[in-house]
Amino acid sequence: MSVSELIGADVEILVSDPWEFGAECGVGPFGALVTGVQPEALLVRLNAPIEYRGTRLISVVVKARHASGRIDALASCGQLAANLMFLPVVVGAFSEVTDEAKVGMVAAIGSVGAKSL
């Protein structure tokens, strides 16, 4: 499967760090839908918002944590160690990931696994 074919795929997000996130919200899996792809990042929308420290998180920018910094591993292996940027707004395209959209964001580390590949 190519990276571009990830659009519309169902994925699950697991959060391993920060510890406080898991203590308050659980570690997942949190269901999400891939809405955008770039060679270095995925844009996903959570199936259900996550409430963390008084902020409602809705979208996530996913970037590869290791190796090439590309998301190819998700397309080829179905799993990706990831840096996660949870956003409190609905973001439909990478161009919408502005400084304003990042206000209240939560950075985390975890993994993304494909459900429907």
PDB file of N, CA and C in Angstrom:
ATOM      1  N   MET A   1       0.842  -1.179   0.000  1.00  0.00           N
ATOM      2  CA  MET A   1       0.000   0.000   0.000  1.00  0.00           C
ATOM      3  C   MET A   1       0.886   1.240   0.000  1.00  0.00           C
ATOM      4  N   SER A   2       0.491   2.220  -0.768  1.00  0.00           N
ATOM      5  CA  SER A   2       1.243   3.476  -0.803  1.00  0.00           C
ATOM      6  C   SER A   2       0.761   4.405   0.304  1.00  0.00           C
ATOM      7  N   VAL A   3       1.586   5.385   0.627  1.00  0.00           N
ATOM      8  CA  VAL A   3       1.240   6.348   1.671  1.00  0.00           C
ATOM      9  C   VAL A   3      -0.047   7.089   1.321  1.00  0.00           C
ATOM     10  N   SER A   4      -0.232   7.445   0.057  1.00  0.00           N
ATOM     11  CA  SER A   4      -1.441   8.186  -0.337  1.00  0.00           C
ATOM     12  C   SER A   4      -2.712   7.373  -0.103  1.00  0.00           C
ATOM     13  N   GLU A   5      -2.608   6.048  -0.103  1.00  0.00           N
ATOM     14  CA  GLU A   5      -3.770   5.191   0.131  1.00  0.00           C
ATOM     15  C   GLU A   5      -4.179   5.143   1.604  1.00  0.00           C
ATOM     16  N   LEU A   6      -3.405   5.789   2.464  1.00  0.00           N
ATOM     17  CA  LEU A   6      -3.762   5.841   3.883  1.00  0.00           C
ATOM     18  C   LEU A   6      -4.960   6.765   4.150  1.00  0.00           C
ATOM     19  N   ILE A   7      -5.228   7.699   3.233  1.00  0.00           N
ATOM     20  CA  ILE A   7      -6.358   8.612   3.437  1.00  0.00           C
ATOM     21  C   ILE A   7      -7.647   7.794   3.532  1.00  0.00           C
ATOM     22  N   GLY A   8      -8.391   8.034   4.593  1.00  0.00           N
ATOM     23  CA  GLY A   8      -9.623   7.300   4.841  1.00  0.00           C
ATOM     24  C   GLY A   8      -9.437   6.045   5.668  1.00  0.00           C
ATOM     25  N   ALA A   9      -8.194   5.716   5.998  1.00  0.00           N
ATOM     26  CA  ALA A   9      -7.933   4.513   6.793  1.00  0.00           C
ATOM     27  C   ALA A   9      -8.281   4.743   8.265  1.00  0.00           C
ATOM     28  N   ASP A  10      -8.809   3.708   8.889  1.00  0.00           N
ATOM     29  CA  ASP A  10      -9.047   3.730  10.328  1.00  0.00           C
ATOM     30  C   ASP A  10      -7.750   3.346  11.029  1.00  0.00           C
ATOM     31  N   VAL A  11      -7.369   4.111  12.040  1.00  0.00           N
ATOM     32  CA  VAL A  11      -6.165   3.825  12.805  1.00  0.00           C
ATOM     33  C   VAL A  11      -6.486   3.876  14.292  1.00  0.00           C
ATOM     34  N   GLU A  12      -5.570   3.343  15.083  1.00  0.00           N
ATOM     35  CA  GLU A  12      -5.668   3.405  16.532  1.00  0.00           C
ATOM     36  C   GLU A  12      -4.407   4.049  17.073  1.00  0.00           C
ATOM     37  N   ILE A  13      -4.583   4.960  18.008  1.00  0.00           N
ATOM     38  CA  ILE A  13      -3.466   5.672  18.615  1.00  0.00           C
ATOM     39  C   ILE A  13      -3.287   5.185  20.049  1.00  0.00           C
ATOM     40  N   LEU A  14      -2.060   4.848  20.406  1.00  0.00           N
ATOM     41  CA  LEU A  14      -1.681   4.517  21.770  1.00  0.00           C
ATOM     42  C   LEU A  14      -0.728   5.599  22.259  1.00  0.00           C
ATOM     43  N   VAL A  15      -0.898   6.046  23.492  1.00  0.00           N
ATOM     44  CA  VAL A  15      -0.045   7.093  24.059  1.00  0.00           C
ATOM     45  C   VAL A  15       0.792   6.492  25.177  1.00  0.00           C
ATOM     46  N   SER A  16       2.109   6.642  25.083  1.00  0.00           N
ATOM     47  CA  SER A  16       3.001   6.122  26.118  1.00  0.00           C
ATOM     48  C   SER A  16       3.576   7.222  27.006  1.00  0.00           C
ATOM     49  N   ASP A  17       3.602   8.444  26.538  1.00  0.00           N
ATOM     50  CA  ASP A  17       4.166   9.552  27.299  1.00  0.00           C
ATOM     51  C   ASP A  17       3.503  10.840  26.827  1.00  0.00           C
ATOM     52  N   PRO A  18       3.105  11.745  27.661  1.00  0.00           N
ATOM     53  CA  PRO A  18       3.447  11.863  29.070  1.00  0.00           C
ATOM     54  C   PRO A  18       2.614  10.935  29.947  1.00  0.00           C
ATOM     55  N   TRP A  19       3.189  10.543  31.053  1.00  0.00           N
ATOM     56  CA  TRP A  19       2.526   9.656  31.994  1.00  0.00           C
ATOM     57  C   TRP A  19       1.192  10.234  32.433  1.00  0.00           C
ATOM     58  N   GLU A  20       1.126  11.531  32.649  1.00  0.00           N
ATOM     59  CA  GLU A  20      -0.100  12.185  33.114  1.00  0.00           C
ATOM     60  C   GLU A  20      -1.258  11.990  32.139  1.00  0.00           C
ATOM     61  N   PHE A  21      -0.956  11.942  30.861  1.00  0.00           N
ATOM     62  CA  PHE A  21      -2.003  11.728  29.854  1.00  0.00           C
ATOM     63  C   PHE A  21      -2.663  10.377  30.089  1.00  0.00           C
ATOM     64  N   GLY A  22      -1.846   9.347  30.226  1.00  0.00           N
ATOM     65  CA  GLY A  22      -2.383   8.008  30.461  1.00  0.00           C
ATOM     66  C   GLY A  22      -3.138   7.908  31.767  1.00  0.00           C
ATOM     67  N   ALA A  23      -2.655   8.604  32.805  1.00  0.00           N
ATOM     68  CA  ALA A  23      -3.326   8.573  34.103  1.00  0.00           C
ATOM     69  C   ALA A  23      -4.696   9.233  34.031  1.00  0.00           C
ATOM     70  N   GLU A  24      -4.824  10.298  33.249  1.00  0.00           N
ATOM     71  CA  GLU A  24      -6.088  11.027  33.168  1.00  0.00           C
ATOM     72  C   GLU A  24      -7.040  10.467  32.115  1.00  0.00           C
ATOM     73  N   CYS A  25      -6.516  10.067  30.965  1.00  0.00           N
ATOM     74  CA  CYS A  25      -7.372   9.696  29.823  1.00  0.00           C
ATOM     75  C   CYS A  25      -7.271   8.227  29.437  1.00  0.00           C
ATOM     76  N   GLY A  26      -6.306   7.523  29.985  1.00  0.00           N
ATOM     77  CA  GLY A  26      -5.998   6.178  29.513  1.00  0.00           C
ATOM     78  C   GLY A  26      -4.980   6.273  28.386  1.00  0.00           C
ATOM     79  N   VAL A  27      -4.419   5.151  28.026  1.00  0.00           N
ATOM     80  CA  VAL A  27      -3.393   5.151  26.982  1.00  0.00           C
ATOM     81  C   VAL A  27      -3.949   4.803  25.615  1.00  0.00           C
ATOM     82  N   GLY A  28      -5.222   4.465  25.553  1.00  0.00           N
ATOM     83  CA  GLY A  28      -5.837   4.096  24.289  1.00  0.00           C
ATOM     84  C   GLY A  28      -6.148   2.615  24.284  1.00  0.00           C
ATOM     85  N   PRO A  29      -6.472   2.076  23.141  1.00  0.00           N
ATOM     86  CA  PRO A  29      -6.377   2.751  21.841  1.00  0.00           C
ATOM     87  C   PRO A  29      -7.504   3.760  21.622  1.00  0.00           C
ATOM     88  N   PHE A  30      -7.131   4.842  20.969  1.00  0.00           N
ATOM     89  CA  PHE A  30      -8.063   5.884  20.576  1.00  0.00           C
ATOM     90  C   PHE A  30      -8.271   5.760  19.070  1.00  0.00           C
ATOM     91  N   GLY A  31      -9.494   5.509  18.658  1.00  0.00           N
ATOM     92  CA  GLY A  31      -9.801   5.363  17.242  1.00  0.00           C
ATOM     93  C   GLY A  31      -9.738   6.702  16.521  1.00  0.00           C
ATOM     94  N   ALA A  32      -9.271   6.662  15.277  1.00  0.00           N
ATOM     95  CA  ALA A  32      -9.151   7.886  14.479  1.00  0.00           C
ATOM     96  C   ALA A  32      -9.231   7.538  12.997  1.00  0.00           C
ATOM     97  N   LEU A  33      -9.456   8.572  12.204  1.00  0.00           N
ATOM     98  CA  LEU A  33      -9.555   8.441  10.753  1.00  0.00           C
ATOM     99  C   LEU A  33      -8.492   9.317  10.111  1.00  0.00           C
ATOM    100  N   VAL A  34      -7.711   8.757   9.199  1.00  0.00           N
ATOM    101  CA  VAL A  34      -6.676   9.521   8.490  1.00  0.00           C
ATOM    102  C   VAL A  34      -7.359  10.451   7.490  1.00  0.00           C
ATOM    103  N   THR A  35      -7.089  11.750   7.619  1.00  0.00           N
ATOM    104  CA  THR A  35      -7.697  12.737   6.721  1.00  0.00           C
ATOM    105  C   THR A  35      -6.693  13.419   5.809  1.00  0.00           C
ATOM    106  N   GLY A  36      -5.401  13.260   6.090  1.00  0.00           N
ATOM    107  CA  GLY A  36      -4.376  13.874   5.250  1.00  0.00           C
ATOM    108  C   GLY A  36      -3.051  13.156   5.409  1.00  0.00           C
ATOM    109  N   VAL A  37      -2.272  13.161   4.340  1.00  0.00           N
ATOM    110  CA  VAL A  37      -0.948  12.536   4.386  1.00  0.00           C
ATOM    111  C   VAL A  37       0.084  13.422   3.711  1.00  0.00           C
ATOM    112  N   GLN A  38       1.263  13.365   4.247  1.00  0.00           N
ATOM    113  CA  GLN A  38       2.474  13.923   3.644  1.00  0.00           C
ATOM    114  C   GLN A  38       3.543  12.864   3.856  1.00  0.00           C
ATOM    115  N   PRO A  39       4.654  12.911   3.142  1.00  0.00           N
ATOM    116  CA  PRO A  39       5.688  11.891   3.366  1.00  0.00           C
ATOM    117  C   PRO A  39       6.169  11.827   4.811  1.00  0.00           C
ATOM    118  N   GLU A  40       6.127  12.958   5.522  1.00  0.00           N
ATOM    119  CA  GLU A  40       6.642  13.010   6.886  1.00  0.00           C
ATOM    120  C   GLU A  40       5.547  13.070   7.942  1.00  0.00           C
ATOM    121  N   ALA A  41       4.281  13.109   7.573  1.00  0.00           N
ATOM    122  CA  ALA A  41       3.237  13.300   8.583  1.00  0.00           C
ATOM    123  C   ALA A  41       1.879  12.774   8.130  1.00  0.00           C
ATOM    124  N   LEU A  42       1.070  12.455   9.129  1.00  0.00           N
ATOM    125  CA  LEU A  42      -0.336  12.112   8.924  1.00  0.00           C
ATOM    126  C   LEU A  42      -1.176  13.130   9.673  1.00  0.00           C
ATOM    127  N   LEU A  43      -2.335  13.390   9.174  1.00  0.00           N
ATOM    128  CA  LEU A  43      -3.318  14.201   9.864  1.00  0.00           C
ATOM    129  C   LEU A  43      -4.506  13.287  10.128  1.00  0.00           C
ATOM    130  N   VAL A  44      -4.901  13.171  11.402  1.00  0.00           N
ATOM    131  CA  VAL A  44      -6.015  12.299  11.735  1.00  0.00           C
ATOM    132  C   VAL A  44      -7.034  13.039  12.583  1.00  0.00           C
ATOM    133  N   ARG A  45      -8.273  12.601  12.494  1.00  0.00           N
ATOM    134  CA  ARG A  45      -9.355  13.137  13.310  1.00  0.00           C
ATOM    135  C   ARG A  45      -9.808  12.024  14.248  1.00  0.00           C
ATOM    136  N   LEU A  46      -9.819  12.318  15.540  1.00  0.00           N
ATOM    137  CA  LEU A  46     -10.239  11.331  16.524  1.00  0.00           C
ATOM    138  C   LEU A  46     -11.717  10.988  16.337  1.00  0.00           C
ATOM    139  N   ASN A  47     -12.065   9.731  16.516  1.00  0.00           N
ATOM    140  CA  ASN A  47     -13.466   9.322  16.417  1.00  0.00           C
ATOM    141  C   ASN A  47     -14.297   9.936  17.536  1.00  0.00           C
ATOM    142  N   ALA A  48     -13.682  10.110  18.694  1.00  0.00           N
ATOM    143  CA  ALA A  48     -14.339  10.756  19.841  1.00  0.00           C
ATOM    144  C   ALA A  48     -13.305  11.679  20.487  1.00  0.00           C
ATOM    145  N   PRO A  49     -13.694  12.894  20.808  1.00  0.00           N
ATOM    146  CA  PRO A  49     -12.739  13.813  21.445  1.00  0.00           C
ATOM    147  C   PRO A  49     -12.204  13.241  22.754  1.00  0.00           C
ATOM    148  N   ILE A  50     -11.001  13.660  23.096  1.00  0.00           N
ATOM    149  CA  ILE A  50     -10.370  13.285  24.355  1.00  0.00           C
ATOM    150  C   ILE A  50     -10.296  14.535  25.217  1.00  0.00           C
ATOM    151  N   GLU A  51     -10.746  14.441  26.452  1.00  0.00           N
ATOM    152  CA  GLU A  51     -10.649  15.552  27.401  1.00  0.00           C
ATOM    153  C   GLU A  51      -9.373  15.367  28.212  1.00  0.00           C
ATOM    154  N   TYR A  52      -8.464  16.333  28.134  1.00  0.00           N
ATOM    155  CA  TYR A  52      -7.208  16.261  28.889  1.00  0.00           C
ATOM    156  C   TYR A  52      -6.914  17.622  29.498  1.00  0.00           C
ATOM    157  N   ARG A  53      -6.841  17.655  30.808  1.00  0.00           N
ATOM    158  CA  ARG A  53      -6.541  18.877  31.549  1.00  0.00           C
ATOM    159  C   ARG A  53      -7.422  20.048  31.127  1.00  0.00           C
ATOM    160  N   GLY A  54      -8.696  19.780  30.976  1.00  0.00           N
ATOM    161  CA  GLY A  54      -9.648  20.826  30.643  1.00  0.00           C
ATOM    162  C   GLY A  54      -9.689  21.223  29.184  1.00  0.00           C
ATOM    163  N   THR A  55      -8.956  20.509  28.325  1.00  0.00           N
ATOM    164  CA  THR A  55      -8.939  20.810  26.887  1.00  0.00           C
ATOM    165  C   THR A  55      -9.526  19.631  26.123  1.00  0.00           C
ATOM    166  N   ARG A  56     -10.392  19.934  25.207  1.00  0.00           N
ATOM    167  CA  ARG A  56     -11.013  18.920  24.345  1.00  0.00           C
ATOM    168  C   ARG A  56     -10.139  18.761  23.102  1.00  0.00           C
ATOM    169  N   LEU A  57      -9.540  17.588  22.936  1.00  0.00           N
ATOM    170  CA  LEU A  57      -8.636  17.320  21.814  1.00  0.00           C
ATOM    171  C   LEU A  57      -9.394  16.583  20.723  1.00  0.00           C
ATOM    172  N   ILE A  58      -9.210  17.048  19.467  1.00  0.00           N
ATOM    173  CA  ILE A  58     -10.032  16.542  18.368  1.00  0.00           C
ATOM    174  C   ILE A  58      -9.209  15.978  17.203  1.00  0.00           C
ATOM    175  N   SER A  59      -8.122  16.651  16.856  1.00  0.00           N
ATOM    176  CA  SER A  59      -7.292  16.248  15.715  1.00  0.00           C
ATOM    177  C   SER A  59      -5.883  15.925  16.196  1.00  0.00           C
ATOM    178  N   VAL A  60      -5.138  15.166  15.380  1.00  0.00           N
ATOM    179  CA  VAL A  60      -3.770  14.798  15.741  1.00  0.00           C
ATOM    180  C   VAL A  60      -2.881  14.878  14.505  1.00  0.00           C
ATOM    181  N   VAL A  61      -1.719  15.521  14.663  1.00  0.00           N
ATOM    182  CA  VAL A  61      -0.672  15.463  13.651  1.00  0.00           C
ATOM    183  C   VAL A  61       0.292  14.377  14.114  1.00  0.00           C
ATOM    184  N   VAL A  62       0.543  13.401  13.262  1.00  0.00           N
ATOM    185  CA  VAL A  62       1.380  12.255  13.581  1.00  0.00           C
ATOM    186  C   VAL A  62       2.650  12.334  12.753  1.00  0.00           C
ATOM    187  N   LYS A  63       3.804  12.256  13.426  1.00  0.00           N
ATOM    188  CA  LYS A  63       5.091  12.214  12.723  1.00  0.00           C
ATOM    189  C   LYS A  63       5.878  11.016  13.211  1.00  0.00           C
ATOM    190  N   ALA A  64       6.659  10.428  12.315  1.00  0.00           N
ATOM    191  CA  ALA A  64       7.466   9.261  12.672  1.00  0.00           C
ATOM    192  C   ALA A  64       8.478   9.629  13.747  1.00  0.00           C
ATOM    193  N   ARG A  65       8.649   8.749  14.699  1.00  0.00           N
ATOM    194  CA  ARG A  65       9.550   8.998  15.817  1.00  0.00           C
ATOM    195  C   ARG A  65      10.978   8.589  15.503  1.00  0.00           C
ATOM    196  N   HIS A  66      11.179   7.612  14.668  1.00  0.00           N
ATOM    197  CA  HIS A  66      12.507   7.050  14.432  1.00  0.00           C
ATOM    198  C   HIS A  66      12.817   6.950  12.941  1.00  0.00           C
ATOM    199  N   ALA A  67      14.010   6.480  12.685  1.00  0.00           N
ATOM    200  CA  ALA A  67      14.488   6.147  11.337  1.00  0.00           C
ATOM    201  C   ALA A  67      14.431   7.330  10.389  1.00  0.00           C
ATOM    202  N   SER A  68      13.785   7.155   9.272  1.00  0.00           N
ATOM    203  CA  SER A  68      13.835   8.150   8.200  1.00  0.00           C
ATOM    204  C   SER A  68      12.992   9.385   8.464  1.00  0.00           C
ATOM    205  N   GLY A  69      12.146   9.346   9.476  1.00  0.00           N
ATOM    206  CA  GLY A  69      11.233  10.454   9.723  1.00  0.00           C
ATOM    207  C   GLY A  69      10.052  10.453   8.770  1.00  0.00           C
ATOM    208  N   ARG A  70       9.851   9.339   8.106  1.00  0.00           N
ATOM    209  CA  ARG A  70       8.753   9.225   7.146  1.00  0.00           C
ATOM    210  C   ARG A  70       7.703   8.255   7.690  1.00  0.00           C
ATOM    211  N   ILE A  71       6.500   8.353   7.159  1.00  0.00           N
ATOM    212  CA  ILE A  71       5.404   7.529   7.656  1.00  0.00           C
ATOM    213  C   ILE A  71       5.221   6.231   6.873  1.00  0.00           C
ATOM    214  N   ASP A  72       6.176   5.893   6.028  1.00  0.00           N
ATOM    215  CA  ASP A  72       6.088   4.689   5.209  1.00  0.00           C
ATOM    216  C   ASP A  72       5.815   3.421   6.021  1.00  0.00           C
ATOM    217  N   ALA A  73       6.352   3.348   7.240  1.00  0.00           N
ATOM    218  CA  ALA A  73       6.186   2.137   8.054  1.00  0.00           C
ATOM    219  C   ALA A  73       4.716   1.844   8.326  1.00  0.00           C
ATOM    220  N   LEU A  74       3.905   2.863   8.476  1.00  0.00           N
ATOM    221  CA  LEU A  74       2.481   2.625   8.704  1.00  0.00           C
ATOM    222  C   LEU A  74       1.842   1.990   7.474  1.00  0.00           C
ATOM    223  N   ALA A  75       2.227   2.477   6.303  1.00  0.00           N
ATOM    224  CA  ALA A  75       1.669   1.931   5.058  1.00  0.00           C
ATOM    225  C   ALA A  75       2.164   0.513   4.793  1.00  0.00           C
ATOM    226  N   SER A  76       3.432   0.243   5.099  1.00  0.00           N
ATOM    227  CA  SER A  76       3.994  -1.063   4.758  1.00  0.00           C
ATOM    228  C   SER A  76       3.858  -2.100   5.868  1.00  0.00           C
ATOM    229  N   CYS A  77       3.965  -1.685   7.125  1.00  0.00           N
ATOM    230  CA  CYS A  77       3.945  -2.634   8.245  1.00  0.00           C
ATOM    231  C   CYS A  77       2.702  -2.540   9.115  1.00  0.00           C
ATOM    232  N   GLY A  78       1.940  -1.478   8.961  1.00  0.00           N
ATOM    233  CA  GLY A  78       0.737  -1.315   9.752  1.00  0.00           C
ATOM    234  C   GLY A  78       0.957  -0.736  11.137  1.00  0.00           C
ATOM    235  N   GLN A  79       2.195  -0.314  11.454  1.00  0.00           N
ATOM    236  CA  GLN A  79       2.512   0.221  12.782  1.00  0.00           C
ATOM    237  C   GLN A  79       3.570   1.304  12.644  1.00  0.00           C
ATOM    238  N   LEU A  80       3.454   2.355  13.464  1.00  0.00           N
ATOM    239  CA  LEU A  80       4.403   3.458  13.405  1.00  0.00           C
ATOM    240  C   LEU A  80       4.638   4.020  14.797  1.00  0.00           C
ATOM    241  N   ALA A  81       5.902   4.016  15.247  1.00  0.00           N
ATOM    242  CA  ALA A  81       6.264   4.733  16.476  1.00  0.00           C
ATOM    243  C   ALA A  81       6.185   6.212  16.124  1.00  0.00           C
ATOM    244  N   ALA A  82       5.525   7.007  16.987  1.00  0.00           N
ATOM    245  CA  ALA A  82       5.168   8.350  16.545  1.00  0.00           C
ATOM    246  C   ALA A  82       5.306   9.421  17.612  1.00  0.00           C
ATOM    247  N   ASN A  83       5.584  10.626  17.121  1.00  0.00           N
ATOM    248  CA  ASN A  83       5.416  11.850  17.884  1.00  0.00           C
ATOM    249  C   ASN A  83       4.011  12.330  17.548  1.00  0.00           C
ATOM    250  N   LEU A  84       3.248  12.681  18.564  1.00  0.00           N
ATOM    251  CA  LEU A  84       1.850  13.044  18.394  1.00  0.00           C
ATOM    252  C   LEU A  84       1.616  14.474  18.850  1.00  0.00           C
ATOM    253  N   MET A  85       0.905  15.235  18.060  1.00  0.00           N
ATOM    254  CA  MET A  85       0.520  16.593  18.430  1.00  0.00           C
ATOM    255  C   MET A  85      -1.006  16.642  18.398  1.00  0.00           C
ATOM    256  N   PHE A  86      -1.612  16.537  19.582  1.00  0.00           N
ATOM    257  CA  PHE A  86      -3.067  16.590  19.710  1.00  0.00           C
ATOM    258  C   PHE A  86      -3.508  18.046  19.654  1.00  0.00           C
ATOM    259  N   LEU A  87      -4.491  18.330  18.818  1.00  0.00           N
ATOM    260  CA  LEU A  87      -4.977  19.698  18.632  1.00  0.00           C
ATOM    261  C   LEU A  87      -6.424  19.825  19.114  1.00  0.00           C
ATOM    262  N   PRO A  88      -6.769  20.987  19.674  1.00  0.00           N
ATOM    263  CA  PRO A  88      -8.121  21.190  20.188  1.00  0.00           C
ATOM    264  C   PRO A  88      -9.132  21.672  19.144  1.00  0.00           C
ATOM    265  N   VAL A  89      -8.803  21.579  17.877  1.00  0.00           N
ATOM    266  CA  VAL A  89      -9.694  22.034  16.810  1.00  0.00           C
ATOM    267  C   VAL A  89      -9.773  20.967  15.725  1.00  0.00           C
ATOM    268  N   VAL A  90     -10.832  21.033  14.932  1.00  0.00           N
ATOM    269  CA  VAL A  90     -10.935  20.164  13.762  1.00  0.00           C
ATOM    270  C   VAL A  90     -10.026  20.742  12.690  1.00  0.00           C
ATOM    271  N   VAL A  91      -9.120  19.918  12.195  1.00  0.00           N
ATOM    272  CA  VAL A  91      -8.188  20.348  11.162  1.00  0.00           C
ATOM    273  C   VAL A  91      -8.381  19.426   9.964  1.00  0.00           C
ATOM    274  N   GLY A  92      -8.810  19.980   8.845  1.00  0.00           N
ATOM    275  CA  GLY A  92      -9.096  19.179   7.668  1.00  0.00           C
ATOM    276  C   GLY A  92      -7.955  19.062   6.675  1.00  0.00           C
ATOM    277  N   ALA A  93      -6.952  19.936   6.810  1.00  0.00           N
ATOM    278  CA  ALA A  93      -5.816  19.935   5.892  1.00  0.00           C
ATOM    279  C   ALA A  93      -4.582  20.446   6.630  1.00  0.00           C
ATOM    280  N   PHE A  94      -3.416  20.059   6.158  1.00  0.00           N
ATOM    281  CA  PHE A  94      -2.176  20.500   6.803  1.00  0.00           C
ATOM    282  C   PHE A  94      -2.049  22.019   6.806  1.00  0.00           C
ATOM    283  N   SER A  95      -2.598  22.674   5.810  1.00  0.00           N
ATOM    284  CA  SER A  95      -2.526  24.138   5.750  1.00  0.00           C
ATOM    285  C   SER A  95      -3.283  24.787   6.912  1.00  0.00           C
ATOM    286  N   GLU A  96      -4.169  24.033   7.551  1.00  0.00           N
ATOM    287  CA  GLU A  96      -4.940  24.544   8.685  1.00  0.00           C
ATOM    288  C   GLU A  96      -4.226  24.347  10.022  1.00  0.00           C
ATOM    289  N   VAL A  97      -3.067  23.697  10.015  1.00  0.00           N
ATOM    290  CA  VAL A  97      -2.292  23.516  11.241  1.00  0.00           C
ATOM    291  C   VAL A  97      -1.459  24.782  11.441  1.00  0.00           C
ATOM    292  N   THR A  98      -2.128  25.819  11.867  1.00  0.00           N
ATOM    293  CA  THR A  98      -1.527  27.132  12.058  1.00  0.00           C
ATOM    294  C   THR A  98      -1.151  27.324  13.525  1.00  0.00           C
ATOM    295  N   ASP A  99      -0.460  28.420  13.804  1.00  0.00           N
ATOM    296  CA  ASP A  99      -0.132  28.738  15.198  1.00  0.00           C
ATOM    297  C   ASP A  99      -1.400  28.854  16.028  1.00  0.00           C
ATOM    298  N   GLU A 100      -2.437  29.423  15.457  1.00  0.00           N
ATOM    299  CA  GLU A 100      -3.714  29.557  16.161  1.00  0.00           C
ATOM    300  C   GLU A 100      -4.318  28.186  16.482  1.00  0.00           C
ATOM    301  N   ALA A 101      -4.226  27.247  15.545  1.00  0.00           N
ATOM    302  CA  ALA A 101      -4.759  25.902  15.761  1.00  0.00           C
ATOM    303  C   ALA A 101      -3.971  25.153  16.835  1.00  0.00           C
ATOM    304  N   LYS A 102      -2.707  25.525  17.030  1.00  0.00           N
ATOM    305  CA  LYS A 102      -1.844  24.843  18.002  1.00  0.00           C
ATOM    306  C   LYS A 102      -2.041  25.347  19.431  1.00  0.00           C
ATOM    307  N   VAL A 103      -2.784  26.424  19.625  1.00  0.00           N
ATOM    308  CA  VAL A 103      -3.023  26.928  20.980  1.00  0.00           C
ATOM    309  C   VAL A 103      -3.763  25.853  21.767  1.00  0.00           C
ATOM    310  N   GLY A 104      -3.193  25.424  22.865  1.00  0.00           N
ATOM    311  CA  GLY A 104      -3.786  24.373  23.680  1.00  0.00           C
ATOM    312  C   GLY A 104      -3.394  22.971  23.247  1.00  0.00           C
ATOM    313  N   MET A 105      -2.473  22.848  22.295  1.00  0.00           N
ATOM    314  CA  MET A 105      -2.070  21.520  21.827  1.00  0.00           C
ATOM    315  C   MET A 105      -1.386  20.735  22.946  1.00  0.00           C
ATOM    316  N   VAL A 106      -1.372  19.427  22.782  1.00  0.00           N
ATOM    317  CA  VAL A 106      -0.723  18.532  23.722  1.00  0.00           C
ATOM    318  C   VAL A 106       0.239  17.652  22.938  1.00  0.00           C
ATOM    319  N   ALA A 107       1.505  17.714  23.283  1.00  0.00           N
ATOM    320  CA  ALA A 107       2.512  16.874  22.635  1.00  0.00           C
ATOM    321  C   ALA A 107       2.611  15.553  23.392  1.00  0.00           C
ATOM    322  N   ALA A 108       2.731  14.465  22.651  1.00  0.00           N
ATOM    323  CA  ALA A 108       2.820  13.139  23.270  1.00  0.00           C
ATOM    324  C   ALA A 108       3.675  12.224  22.405  1.00  0.00           C
ATOM    325  N   ILE A 109       4.019  11.093  22.981  1.00  0.00           N
ATOM    326  CA  ILE A 109       4.758  10.048  22.284  1.00  0.00           C
ATOM    327  C   ILE A 109       3.914   8.792  22.342  1.00  0.00           C
ATOM    328  N   GLY A 110       3.910   8.048  21.265  1.00  0.00           N
ATOM    329  CA  GLY A 110       3.142   6.816  21.257  1.00  0.00           C
ATOM    330  C   GLY A 110       3.321   6.047  19.971  1.00  0.00           C
ATOM    331  N   SER A 111       2.255   5.424  19.539  1.00  0.00           N
ATOM    332  CA  SER A 111       2.298   4.677  18.289  1.00  0.00           C
ATOM    333  C   SER A 111       0.936   4.740  17.611  1.00  0.00           C
ATOM    334  N   VAL A 112       0.972   4.497  16.319  1.00  0.00           N
ATOM    335  CA  VAL A 112      -0.244   4.468  15.514  1.00  0.00           C
ATOM    336  C   VAL A 112      -0.271   3.138  14.785  1.00  0.00           C
ATOM    337  N   GLY A 113      -1.387   2.463  14.880  1.00  0.00           N
ATOM    338  CA  GLY A 113      -1.555   1.191  14.202  1.00  0.00           C
ATOM    339  C   GLY A 113      -2.731   1.251  13.254  1.00  0.00           C
ATOM    340  N   ALA A 114      -2.577   0.626  12.118  1.00  0.00           N
ATOM    341  CA  ALA A 114      -3.633   0.627  11.114  1.00  0.00           C
ATOM    342  C   ALA A 114      -4.649  -0.468  11.420  1.00  0.00           C
ATOM    343  N   LYS A 115      -5.934  -0.130  11.320  1.00  0.00           N
ATOM    344  CA  LYS A 115      -7.011  -1.085  11.521  1.00  0.00           C
ATOM    345  C   LYS A 115      -7.552  -1.631  10.210  1.00  0.00           C
ATOM    346  N   SER A 116      -7.539  -0.787   9.175  1.00  0.00           N
ATOM    347  CA  SER A 116      -8.242  -1.177   7.943  1.00  0.00           C
ATOM    348  C   SER A 116      -7.332  -1.264   6.733  1.00  0.00           C
ATOM    349  N   LEU A 117      -6.087  -1.665   6.942  1.00  0.00           N
ATOM    350  CA  LEU A 117      -5.170  -1.780   5.794  1.00  0.00           C
ATOM    351  C   LEU A 117      -5.094  -3.201   5.317  1.00  0.00           C
TER     352      LEU A 117
END
